[in-house]
Amino acid sequence: MWVLLHNAHNAPAMLLALESILEELVAGANPDPNFRVWISAQALKDVLPNRLIQNSVRTIIDTPKVGATLA
């Protein structure tokens, strides 16, 4: 099963609960190897729990800067 949480930065309390739930799932006797959680969020300070970030594979996509030049 795959789960997508879009704009998760809008629900910081839910992210804290999610962190606990995922830790319990991983520590369980038989976690499903096909389970994935995708989280889409803005990188706002103090919104994403540190342990959730540290235990994740991260991809960062930033908008292009207008007028920026390549060096």
N, C-alpha and C. Protein backbone atom coordinates (compact mmCIF):
# COMPACT_ATOMS: atom_id res chain seq x y z
N MET A 1 0.84 -1.17 0.00
CA MET A 1 0.00 0.00 0.00
C MET A 1 0.89 1.24 0.00
N TRP A 2 0.51 2.21 -0.80
CA TRP A 2 1.21 3.49 -0.85
C TRP A 2 0.27 4.58 -0.35
N VAL A 3 0.83 5.54 0.40
CA VAL A 3 0.04 6.65 0.94
C VAL A 3 0.76 7.94 0.57
N LEU A 4 0.02 8.94 0.08
CA LEU A 4 0.58 10.25 -0.25
C LEU A 4 -0.07 11.28 0.66
N LEU A 5 0.76 12.01 1.40
CA LEU A 5 0.29 13.12 2.23
C LEU A 5 0.77 14.40 1.56
N HIS A 6 -0.15 15.12 0.95
CA HIS A 6 0.18 16.32 0.18
C HIS A 6 0.02 17.55 1.05
N ASN A 7 0.97 18.49 0.96
CA ASN A 7 0.96 19.72 1.76
C ASN A 7 0.93 19.43 3.26
N ALA A 8 1.75 18.49 3.67
CA ALA A 8 1.76 18.05 5.06
C ALA A 8 2.22 19.15 6.02
N HIS A 9 2.88 20.18 5.52
CA HIS A 9 3.33 21.28 6.38
C HIS A 9 2.14 22.03 7.00
N ASN A 10 0.95 21.85 6.44
CA ASN A 10 -0.25 22.50 6.98
C ASN A 10 -0.82 21.80 8.21
N ALA A 11 -0.27 20.63 8.55
CA ALA A 11 -0.77 19.87 9.70
C ALA A 11 0.40 19.35 10.53
N PRO A 12 1.12 20.24 11.22
CA PRO A 12 2.30 19.80 11.98
C PRO A 12 1.98 18.82 13.10
N ALA A 13 0.81 18.93 13.72
CA ALA A 13 0.43 17.98 14.77
C ALA A 13 0.26 16.58 14.19
N MET A 14 -0.28 16.50 12.98
CA MET A 14 -0.45 15.21 12.33
C MET A 14 0.90 14.58 12.02
N LEU A 15 1.90 15.38 11.68
CA LEU A 15 3.24 14.86 11.39
C LEU A 15 3.88 14.26 12.63
N LEU A 16 3.65 14.86 13.79
CA LEU A 16 4.17 14.28 15.03
C LEU A 16 3.52 12.93 15.31
N ALA A 17 2.22 12.85 15.09
CA ALA A 17 1.52 11.58 15.28
C ALA A 17 2.00 10.55 14.25
N LEU A 18 2.20 10.98 13.02
CA LEU A 18 2.67 10.08 11.96
C LEU A 18 4.03 9.50 12.31
N GLU A 19 4.89 10.31 12.88
CA GLU A 19 6.22 9.85 13.28
C GLU A 19 6.10 8.68 14.26
N SER A 20 5.24 8.80 15.24
CA SER A 20 5.04 7.72 16.22
C SER A 20 4.43 6.48 15.58
N ILE A 21 3.46 6.68 14.71
CA ILE A 21 2.80 5.55 14.05
C ILE A 21 3.80 4.78 13.19
N LEU A 22 4.63 5.50 12.44
CA LEU A 22 5.60 4.83 11.58
C LEU A 22 6.65 4.07 12.39
N GLU A 23 7.07 4.63 13.51
CA GLU A 23 8.03 3.93 14.37
C GLU A 23 7.43 2.63 14.89
N GLU A 24 6.15 2.64 15.25
CA GLU A 24 5.49 1.42 15.71
C GLU A 24 5.37 0.40 14.59
N LEU A 25 5.07 0.85 13.36
CA LEU A 25 4.97 -0.06 12.23
C LEU A 25 6.31 -0.73 11.93
N VAL A 26 7.37 0.05 11.96
CA VAL A 26 8.70 -0.50 11.66
C VAL A 26 9.15 -1.45 12.75
N ALA A 27 8.82 -1.14 13.99
CA ALA A 27 9.21 -1.99 15.11
C ALA A 27 8.34 -3.22 15.22
N GLY A 28 7.24 -3.29 14.48
CA GLY A 28 6.32 -4.42 14.56
C GLY A 28 6.97 -5.72 14.08
N ALA A 29 6.31 -6.81 14.35
CA ALA A 29 6.85 -8.12 14.04
C ALA A 29 6.98 -8.37 12.53
N ASN A 30 5.99 -7.95 11.76
CA ASN A 30 5.99 -8.24 10.33
C ASN A 30 5.54 -7.05 9.51
N PRO A 31 6.35 -6.01 9.35
CA PRO A 31 5.91 -4.87 8.54
C PRO A 31 5.81 -5.28 7.06
N ASP A 32 4.83 -4.73 6.37
CA ASP A 32 4.63 -5.04 4.95
C ASP A 32 5.76 -4.40 4.14
N PRO A 33 6.51 -5.19 3.36
CA PRO A 33 7.62 -4.63 2.59
C PRO A 33 7.18 -3.71 1.45
N ASN A 34 5.90 -3.74 1.08
CA ASN A 34 5.40 -2.89 0.00
C ASN A 34 4.78 -1.59 0.48
N PHE A 35 4.80 -1.34 1.79
CA PHE A 35 4.21 -0.13 2.34
C PHE A 35 5.14 1.06 2.11
N ARG A 36 4.60 2.16 1.58
CA ARG A 36 5.37 3.39 1.35
C ARG A 36 4.53 4.58 1.78
N VAL A 37 5.20 5.59 2.35
CA VAL A 37 4.55 6.86 2.67
C VAL A 37 5.31 7.95 1.93
N TRP A 38 4.60 8.69 1.11
CA TRP A 38 5.17 9.83 0.39
C TRP A 38 4.62 11.08 1.06
N ILE A 39 5.52 12.00 1.40
CA ILE A 39 5.10 13.23 2.08
C ILE A 39 5.55 14.42 1.23
N SER A 40 4.60 15.23 0.86
CA SER A 40 4.87 16.46 0.13
C SER A 40 4.70 17.62 1.11
N ALA A 41 5.77 18.41 1.29
CA ALA A 41 5.69 19.52 2.25
C ALA A 41 6.71 20.59 1.91
N GLN A 42 6.41 21.79 2.32
CA GLN A 42 7.39 22.87 2.21
C GLN A 42 8.40 22.68 3.34
N ALA A 43 9.63 23.04 3.07
CA ALA A 43 10.69 22.89 4.07
C ALA A 43 10.67 24.08 5.01
N LEU A 44 9.68 24.11 5.88
CA LEU A 44 9.54 25.18 6.85
C LEU A 44 10.22 24.78 8.15
N LYS A 45 10.89 25.72 8.78
CA LYS A 45 11.60 25.44 10.02
C LYS A 45 10.62 25.05 11.12
N ASP A 46 10.97 24.03 11.87
CA ASP A 46 10.21 23.55 13.03
C ASP A 46 8.84 22.98 12.68
N VAL A 47 8.62 22.56 11.44
CA VAL A 47 7.35 21.93 11.08
C VAL A 47 7.52 20.43 10.91
N LEU A 48 8.56 20.02 10.19
CA LEU A 48 8.81 18.60 9.98
C LEU A 48 9.64 18.05 11.14
N PRO A 49 9.18 16.98 11.77
CA PRO A 49 9.94 16.40 12.89
C PRO A 49 11.31 15.90 12.44
N ASN A 50 12.33 16.15 13.25
CA ASN A 50 13.70 15.80 12.88
C ASN A 50 13.88 14.30 12.63
N ARG A 51 13.32 13.46 13.51
CA ARG A 51 13.48 12.01 13.32
C ARG A 51 12.80 11.54 12.04
N LEU A 52 11.69 12.14 11.68
CA LEU A 52 11.01 11.79 10.44
C LEU A 52 11.90 12.13 9.24
N ILE A 53 12.55 13.27 9.29
CA ILE A 53 13.45 13.68 8.20
C ILE A 53 14.67 12.77 8.16
N GLN A 54 15.25 12.48 9.31
CA GLN A 54 16.48 11.67 9.36
C GLN A 54 16.25 10.24 8.89
N ASN A 55 15.05 9.71 9.09
CA ASN A 55 14.75 8.33 8.70
C ASN A 55 14.09 8.24 7.34
N SER A 56 14.24 9.27 6.51
CA SER A 56 13.56 9.32 5.23
C SER A 56 14.56 9.44 4.08
N VAL A 57 14.09 9.06 2.92
CA VAL A 57 14.81 9.37 1.69
C VAL A 57 14.22 10.68 1.21
N ARG A 58 15.06 11.68 1.01
CA ARG A 58 14.56 13.02 0.71
C ARG A 58 14.87 13.41 -0.74
N THR A 59 13.92 14.09 -1.33
CA THR A 59 14.10 14.70 -2.64
C THR A 59 13.65 16.14 -2.51
N ILE A 60 14.49 17.04 -2.92
CA ILE A 60 14.16 18.46 -2.81
C ILE A 60 14.07 19.05 -4.20
N ILE A 61 12.94 19.67 -4.47
CA ILE A 61 12.73 20.35 -5.74
C ILE A 61 12.45 21.80 -5.42
N ASP A 62 13.28 22.68 -5.94
CA ASP A 62 13.13 24.10 -5.67
C ASP A 62 12.76 24.81 -6.96
N THR A 63 12.00 25.88 -6.85
CA THR A 63 11.65 26.64 -8.03
C THR A 63 12.88 27.37 -8.55
N PRO A 64 12.98 27.54 -9.86
CA PRO A 64 14.13 28.25 -10.41
C PRO A 64 14.15 29.71 -9.99
N LYS A 65 15.31 30.24 -9.78
CA LYS A 65 15.46 31.64 -9.41
C LYS A 65 15.40 32.49 -10.69
N VAL A 66 14.61 33.52 -10.65
CA VAL A 66 14.46 34.41 -11.81
C VAL A 66 15.71 35.30 -11.88
N GLY A 67 16.31 35.35 -13.04
CA GLY A 67 17.48 36.19 -13.24
C GLY A 67 18.77 35.57 -12.74
N ALA A 68 18.75 34.33 -12.29
CA ALA A 68 19.97 33.67 -11.79
C ALA A 68 20.80 33.22 -13.00
N THR A 69 22.09 33.29 -12.83
CA THR A 69 23.00 32.84 -13.89
C THR A 69 23.79 31.65 -13.41
N LEU A 70 24.12 30.79 -14.33
CA LEU A 70 24.93 29.62 -14.00
C LEU A 70 26.40 30.02 -14.00
N ALA A 71 27.11 29.63 -12.97
CA ALA A 71 28.53 29.98 -12.89
C ALA A 71 29.38 28.82 -13.36
